[in-house]
């Protein structure tokens, strides 16, 4: 995480089997990833890309994932599910 910039971008979180379980666009990638590492024992790998239009890029990556896998990252688990 030392090399991750404190800038806008998108990251993909992967489990020990290198399966994507989350795709997030954030204002500060370093800060967000540090929080995720503290809170998530499922996390084994991550990749990131800087992008000032992180919301758009997040949507693109999620759509690509949906086209390939037919469900949201994480087996369809969604943080918003609790709202409905």
N, C-alpha and C. Protein backbone atom coordinates (compact mmCIF):
# COMPACT_ATOMS: atom_id res chain seq x y z
N UNK A 1 0.83 -1.20 0.00
CA UNK A 1 0.00 0.00 0.00
C UNK A 1 0.87 1.26 0.00
N UNK A 2 2.13 1.10 0.34
CA UNK A 2 3.03 2.26 0.38
C UNK A 2 3.08 3.00 -0.95
N UNK A 3 2.99 2.27 -2.07
CA UNK A 3 3.12 2.90 -3.38
C UNK A 3 1.81 3.45 -3.93
N UNK A 4 0.70 3.16 -3.27
CA UNK A 4 -0.61 3.64 -3.74
C UNK A 4 -0.69 5.15 -3.50
N UNK A 5 -1.05 5.91 -4.54
CA UNK A 5 -1.12 7.36 -4.38
C UNK A 5 -2.36 7.80 -3.59
N UNK A 6 -2.25 8.97 -2.99
CA UNK A 6 -3.39 9.58 -2.29
C UNK A 6 -4.16 10.41 -3.30
N UNK A 7 -4.70 9.74 -4.30
CA UNK A 7 -5.42 10.43 -5.36
C UNK A 7 -6.68 9.68 -5.73
N UNK A 8 -7.46 10.30 -6.61
CA UNK A 8 -8.71 9.70 -7.06
C UNK A 8 -8.41 8.49 -7.93
N UNK A 9 -9.26 7.49 -7.82
CA UNK A 9 -9.07 6.32 -8.66
C UNK A 9 -10.01 5.19 -8.28
N UNK A 10 -9.73 4.04 -8.88
CA UNK A 10 -10.55 2.85 -8.69
C UNK A 10 -9.65 1.70 -8.28
N UNK A 11 -10.13 0.89 -7.34
CA UNK A 11 -9.40 -0.32 -7.00
C UNK A 11 -10.32 -1.52 -7.04
N UNK A 12 -9.69 -2.67 -7.29
CA UNK A 12 -10.40 -3.95 -7.28
C UNK A 12 -9.77 -4.81 -6.20
N UNK A 13 -10.61 -5.35 -5.33
CA UNK A 13 -10.14 -6.20 -4.24
C UNK A 13 -10.33 -7.66 -4.63
N UNK A 14 -9.32 -8.48 -4.32
CA UNK A 14 -9.36 -9.90 -4.66
C UNK A 14 -9.10 -10.75 -3.42
N UNK A 15 -9.71 -11.93 -3.42
CA UNK A 15 -9.52 -12.85 -2.30
C UNK A 15 -8.29 -13.73 -2.54
N UNK A 16 -8.07 -14.71 -1.70
CA UNK A 16 -6.90 -15.58 -1.80
C UNK A 16 -6.86 -16.37 -3.11
N UNK A 17 -8.03 -16.55 -3.74
CA UNK A 17 -8.11 -17.26 -5.02
C UNK A 17 -8.04 -16.30 -6.20
N UNK A 18 -7.73 -15.04 -5.90
CA UNK A 18 -7.62 -13.95 -6.87
C UNK A 18 -8.93 -13.63 -7.57
N UNK A 19 -10.05 -13.95 -6.91
CA UNK A 19 -11.37 -13.61 -7.43
C UNK A 19 -11.75 -12.21 -6.93
N UNK A 20 -12.22 -11.38 -7.83
CA UNK A 20 -12.64 -10.03 -7.46
C UNK A 20 -13.88 -10.10 -6.58
N UNK A 21 -13.84 -9.42 -5.44
CA UNK A 21 -15.02 -9.36 -4.59
C UNK A 21 -15.50 -7.93 -4.35
N UNK A 22 -14.76 -6.95 -4.86
CA UNK A 22 -15.21 -5.57 -4.72
C UNK A 22 -14.50 -4.68 -5.74
N UNK A 23 -15.24 -3.73 -6.28
CA UNK A 23 -14.70 -2.70 -7.17
C UNK A 23 -15.20 -1.37 -6.62
N UNK A 24 -14.27 -0.47 -6.32
CA UNK A 24 -14.65 0.81 -5.69
C UNK A 24 -13.92 1.97 -6.35
N UNK A 25 -14.67 3.04 -6.59
CA UNK A 25 -14.09 4.30 -7.00
C UNK A 25 -14.08 5.23 -5.80
N UNK A 26 -12.93 5.85 -5.54
CA UNK A 26 -12.79 6.67 -4.33
C UNK A 26 -11.99 7.94 -4.60
N UNK A 27 -12.12 8.90 -3.70
CA UNK A 27 -11.39 10.16 -3.80
C UNK A 27 -9.93 9.98 -3.41
N UNK A 28 -9.66 9.14 -2.40
CA UNK A 28 -8.29 8.93 -1.91
C UNK A 28 -8.05 7.42 -1.81
N UNK A 29 -7.36 6.87 -2.81
CA UNK A 29 -7.17 5.42 -2.85
C UNK A 29 -6.35 4.90 -1.67
N UNK A 30 -5.28 5.58 -1.32
CA UNK A 30 -4.43 5.10 -0.23
C UNK A 30 -5.21 5.02 1.08
N UNK A 31 -5.91 6.09 1.42
CA UNK A 31 -6.68 6.14 2.67
C UNK A 31 -7.75 5.04 2.69
N UNK A 32 -8.44 4.89 1.59
CA UNK A 32 -9.51 3.90 1.51
C UNK A 32 -8.96 2.48 1.62
N UNK A 33 -7.86 2.20 0.93
CA UNK A 33 -7.27 0.86 0.99
C UNK A 33 -6.74 0.53 2.38
N UNK A 34 -6.17 1.52 3.07
CA UNK A 34 -5.70 1.28 4.44
C UNK A 34 -6.87 0.88 5.33
N UNK A 35 -8.01 1.55 5.18
CA UNK A 35 -9.20 1.19 5.96
C UNK A 35 -9.68 -0.21 5.63
N UNK A 36 -9.70 -0.54 4.33
CA UNK A 36 -10.16 -1.86 3.90
C UNK A 36 -9.27 -2.96 4.47
N UNK A 37 -7.95 -2.74 4.44
CA UNK A 37 -7.02 -3.75 4.96
C UNK A 37 -7.25 -4.00 6.44
N UNK A 38 -7.58 -2.96 7.19
CA UNK A 38 -7.83 -3.12 8.63
C UNK A 38 -9.13 -3.87 8.91
N UNK A 39 -10.13 -3.70 8.04
CA UNK A 39 -11.47 -4.21 8.31
C UNK A 39 -11.81 -5.52 7.61
N UNK A 40 -11.01 -5.94 6.63
CA UNK A 40 -11.43 -7.06 5.80
C UNK A 40 -10.38 -8.16 5.76
N UNK A 41 -10.67 -9.29 6.39
CA UNK A 41 -9.72 -10.40 6.39
C UNK A 41 -9.80 -11.24 5.11
N UNK A 42 -10.78 -10.96 4.27
CA UNK A 42 -10.93 -11.66 2.99
C UNK A 42 -9.92 -11.16 1.95
N UNK A 43 -9.45 -9.94 2.13
CA UNK A 43 -8.58 -9.29 1.16
C UNK A 43 -7.19 -9.91 1.13
N UNK A 44 -6.77 -10.35 -0.06
CA UNK A 44 -5.43 -10.91 -0.23
C UNK A 44 -4.65 -10.16 -1.31
N UNK A 45 -5.35 -9.62 -2.31
CA UNK A 45 -4.72 -8.93 -3.43
C UNK A 45 -5.55 -7.69 -3.77
N UNK A 46 -4.91 -6.74 -4.40
CA UNK A 46 -5.66 -5.61 -4.93
C UNK A 46 -4.91 -5.04 -6.13
N UNK A 47 -5.65 -4.37 -6.98
CA UNK A 47 -5.05 -3.62 -8.07
C UNK A 47 -5.76 -2.27 -8.13
N UNK A 48 -5.08 -1.28 -8.64
CA UNK A 48 -5.66 0.05 -8.66
C UNK A 48 -5.25 0.79 -9.93
N UNK A 49 -6.01 1.82 -10.23
CA UNK A 49 -5.65 2.72 -11.32
C UNK A 49 -6.13 4.12 -10.96
N UNK A 50 -5.26 5.10 -11.20
CA UNK A 50 -5.63 6.48 -10.96
C UNK A 50 -6.59 6.94 -12.05
N UNK A 51 -7.61 7.67 -11.66
CA UNK A 51 -8.58 8.19 -12.64
C UNK A 51 -9.39 9.29 -11.97
N UNK A 52 -9.27 10.51 -12.47
CA UNK A 52 -10.03 11.61 -11.86
C UNK A 52 -11.52 11.44 -12.06
N UNK A 53 -11.92 10.64 -13.05
CA UNK A 53 -13.33 10.33 -13.27
C UNK A 53 -13.63 8.95 -12.70
N UNK A 54 -13.28 8.78 -11.43
CA UNK A 54 -13.33 7.46 -10.79
C UNK A 54 -14.73 6.84 -10.76
N UNK A 55 -15.77 7.65 -10.63
CA UNK A 55 -17.13 7.09 -10.62
C UNK A 55 -17.47 6.45 -11.96
N UNK A 56 -17.11 7.13 -13.03
CA UNK A 56 -17.35 6.60 -14.37
C UNK A 56 -16.55 5.31 -14.58
N UNK A 57 -15.28 5.34 -14.17
CA UNK A 57 -14.43 4.16 -14.36
C UNK A 57 -14.93 2.99 -13.50
N UNK A 58 -15.37 3.28 -12.29
CA UNK A 58 -15.94 2.24 -11.43
C UNK A 58 -17.13 1.57 -12.13
N UNK A 59 -18.01 2.37 -12.70
CA UNK A 59 -19.17 1.83 -13.42
C UNK A 59 -18.75 0.97 -14.60
N UNK A 60 -17.74 1.42 -15.34
CA UNK A 60 -17.25 0.65 -16.49
C UNK A 60 -16.72 -0.71 -16.05
N UNK A 61 -15.93 -0.72 -14.99
CA UNK A 61 -15.35 -1.98 -14.51
C UNK A 61 -16.43 -2.93 -13.97
N UNK A 62 -17.42 -2.38 -13.29
CA UNK A 62 -18.52 -3.21 -12.79
C UNK A 62 -19.31 -3.79 -13.96
N UNK A 63 -19.56 -2.98 -14.98
CA UNK A 63 -20.28 -3.48 -16.16
C UNK A 63 -19.49 -4.59 -16.85
N UNK A 64 -18.17 -4.42 -16.97
CA UNK A 64 -17.33 -5.47 -17.56
C UNK A 64 -17.43 -6.75 -16.74
N UNK A 65 -17.38 -6.62 -15.43
CA UNK A 65 -17.48 -7.77 -14.55
C UNK A 65 -18.83 -8.47 -14.71
N UNK A 66 -19.90 -7.68 -14.75
CA UNK A 66 -21.25 -8.23 -14.92
C UNK A 66 -21.39 -8.99 -16.24
N UNK A 67 -20.81 -8.46 -17.31
CA UNK A 67 -20.89 -9.12 -18.61
C UNK A 67 -20.21 -10.48 -18.58
N UNK A 68 -19.10 -10.58 -17.88
CA UNK A 68 -18.34 -11.83 -17.83
C UNK A 68 -18.96 -12.81 -16.84
N UNK A 69 -19.36 -12.32 -15.65
CA UNK A 69 -19.77 -13.20 -14.56
C UNK A 69 -21.28 -13.28 -14.32
N UNK A 70 -22.03 -12.34 -14.86
CA UNK A 70 -23.48 -12.36 -14.70
C UNK A 70 -23.98 -11.97 -13.33
N UNK A 71 -23.11 -11.44 -12.48
CA UNK A 71 -23.50 -10.98 -11.14
C UNK A 71 -22.50 -9.95 -10.67
N UNK A 72 -22.86 -9.27 -9.60
CA UNK A 72 -21.97 -8.26 -9.03
C UNK A 72 -20.76 -8.93 -8.39
N UNK A 73 -19.64 -8.21 -8.28
CA UNK A 73 -18.48 -8.77 -7.58
C UNK A 73 -18.86 -9.21 -6.17
N UNK A 74 -18.27 -10.28 -5.71
CA UNK A 74 -18.59 -10.80 -4.38
C UNK A 74 -19.76 -11.76 -4.41
N UNK A 75 -20.05 -12.32 -5.57
CA UNK A 75 -21.14 -13.28 -5.67
C UNK A 75 -22.51 -12.65 -5.58
N UNK A 76 -22.59 -11.36 -5.95
CA UNK A 76 -23.87 -10.68 -5.90
C UNK A 76 -24.12 -9.96 -4.59
N UNK A 77 -23.23 -10.14 -3.61
CA UNK A 77 -23.36 -9.41 -2.35
C UNK A 77 -23.16 -7.94 -2.64
N UNK A 78 -23.98 -7.12 -2.08
CA UNK A 78 -23.91 -5.70 -2.34
C UNK A 78 -24.17 -4.95 -1.04
N UNK A 79 -23.33 -3.94 -0.78
CA UNK A 79 -23.50 -3.15 0.44
C UNK A 79 -24.87 -2.49 0.49
N UNK A 80 -25.49 -2.23 -0.66
CA UNK A 80 -26.79 -1.57 -0.70
C UNK A 80 -27.94 -2.52 -0.39
N UNK A 81 -27.68 -3.83 -0.40
CA UNK A 81 -28.75 -4.79 -0.13
C UNK A 81 -29.43 -4.52 1.20
N UNK A 82 -28.68 -4.03 2.17
CA UNK A 82 -29.24 -3.76 3.49
C UNK A 82 -30.27 -2.63 3.47
N UNK A 83 -30.25 -1.82 2.42
CA UNK A 83 -31.15 -0.68 2.34
C UNK A 83 -32.54 -1.07 1.86
N UNK A 84 -32.67 -2.23 1.26
CA UNK A 84 -33.95 -2.63 0.65
C UNK A 84 -34.62 -3.73 1.42
